[in-house]
């Protein structure tokens, strides 16, 4: 699913994957209060979170697409 979104929004949005087992990933997880994997966050150009979904079950793909289109 993430690979598909990455291809779909190539050049318009950046898809970043973070391994929260790494130091850099843990720093990001702490900064954005991520305790569950996977978590999906979409930021606006100013860095404000405009969409957050925690966990893999019931990921609203259409909602995620809408957030990425903004």
Protein backbone atom coordinates (compact mmCIF):
# COMPACT_ATOMS: atom_id res chain seq x y z
CA UNK A 1 0.00 0.00 0.00
CA UNK A 2 2.74 2.47 0.93
CA UNK A 3 4.70 1.60 -2.20
CA UNK A 4 1.60 2.37 -4.27
CA UNK A 5 1.09 5.74 -2.58
CA UNK A 6 4.75 6.55 -3.08
CA UNK A 7 4.39 5.92 -6.84
CA UNK A 8 1.03 7.69 -7.06
CA UNK A 9 2.28 10.89 -5.40
CA UNK A 10 5.83 10.90 -6.77
CA UNK A 11 6.97 14.48 -7.27
CA UNK A 12 4.02 15.88 -5.29
CA UNK A 13 4.51 14.42 -1.82
CA UNK A 14 7.40 12.78 -0.04
CA UNK A 15 6.83 9.39 1.56
CA UNK A 16 9.19 8.78 4.46
CA UNK A 17 9.50 5.50 6.30
CA UNK A 18 11.12 5.42 9.69
CA UNK A 19 12.32 2.37 11.59
CA UNK A 20 11.52 3.21 15.20
CA UNK A 21 14.09 0.65 16.30
CA UNK A 22 16.84 3.00 15.07
CA UNK A 23 17.99 6.09 16.97
CA UNK A 24 16.72 8.44 14.25
CA UNK A 25 13.41 6.60 14.02
CA UNK A 26 12.94 6.64 17.79
CA UNK A 27 13.63 10.38 17.83
CA UNK A 28 10.90 10.90 15.20
CA UNK A 29 8.50 8.59 17.04
CA UNK A 30 9.04 10.50 20.28
CA UNK A 31 8.67 13.86 18.56
CA UNK A 32 5.35 12.92 16.95
CA UNK A 33 4.03 10.71 19.79
CA UNK A 34 4.08 7.47 17.80
CA UNK A 35 3.82 4.36 19.96
CA UNK A 36 2.20 1.94 17.51
CA UNK A 37 3.56 0.63 14.23
CA UNK A 38 2.52 1.25 11.60
CA UNK A 39 1.45 4.85 11.97
CA UNK A 40 0.65 7.17 9.09
CA UNK A 41 1.19 10.90 9.42
CA UNK A 42 0.64 13.55 6.77
CA UNK A 43 2.12 17.00 7.20
CA UNK A 44 1.24 20.23 5.44
CA UNK A 45 4.05 22.34 3.95
CA UNK A 46 4.44 24.16 7.30
CA UNK A 47 5.09 20.89 9.15
CA UNK A 48 1.70 20.68 10.87
CA UNK A 49 0.14 17.21 11.10
CA UNK A 50 -3.06 17.21 9.05
CA UNK A 51 -3.74 13.46 9.19
CA UNK A 52 -2.74 10.73 11.63
CA UNK A 53 -3.78 7.09 11.63
CA UNK A 54 -2.31 4.62 14.09
CA UNK A 55 -2.24 0.89 13.37
CA UNK A 56 -2.68 -1.14 10.22
CA UNK A 57 -6.26 -2.28 10.65
CA UNK A 58 -8.78 -0.18 8.85
CA UNK A 59 -6.33 2.26 7.30
CA UNK A 60 -8.67 4.62 5.46
CA UNK A 61 -6.79 4.70 2.16
CA UNK A 62 -9.16 7.25 0.63
CA UNK A 63 -8.73 9.56 3.63
CA UNK A 64 -4.97 9.19 3.38
CA UNK A 65 -5.08 10.02 -0.34
CA UNK A 66 -7.21 13.11 0.33
CA UNK A 67 -4.74 14.31 2.96
CA UNK A 68 -1.82 13.79 0.58
CA UNK A 69 -3.59 15.73 -2.17
CA UNK A 70 -3.88 18.79 0.07
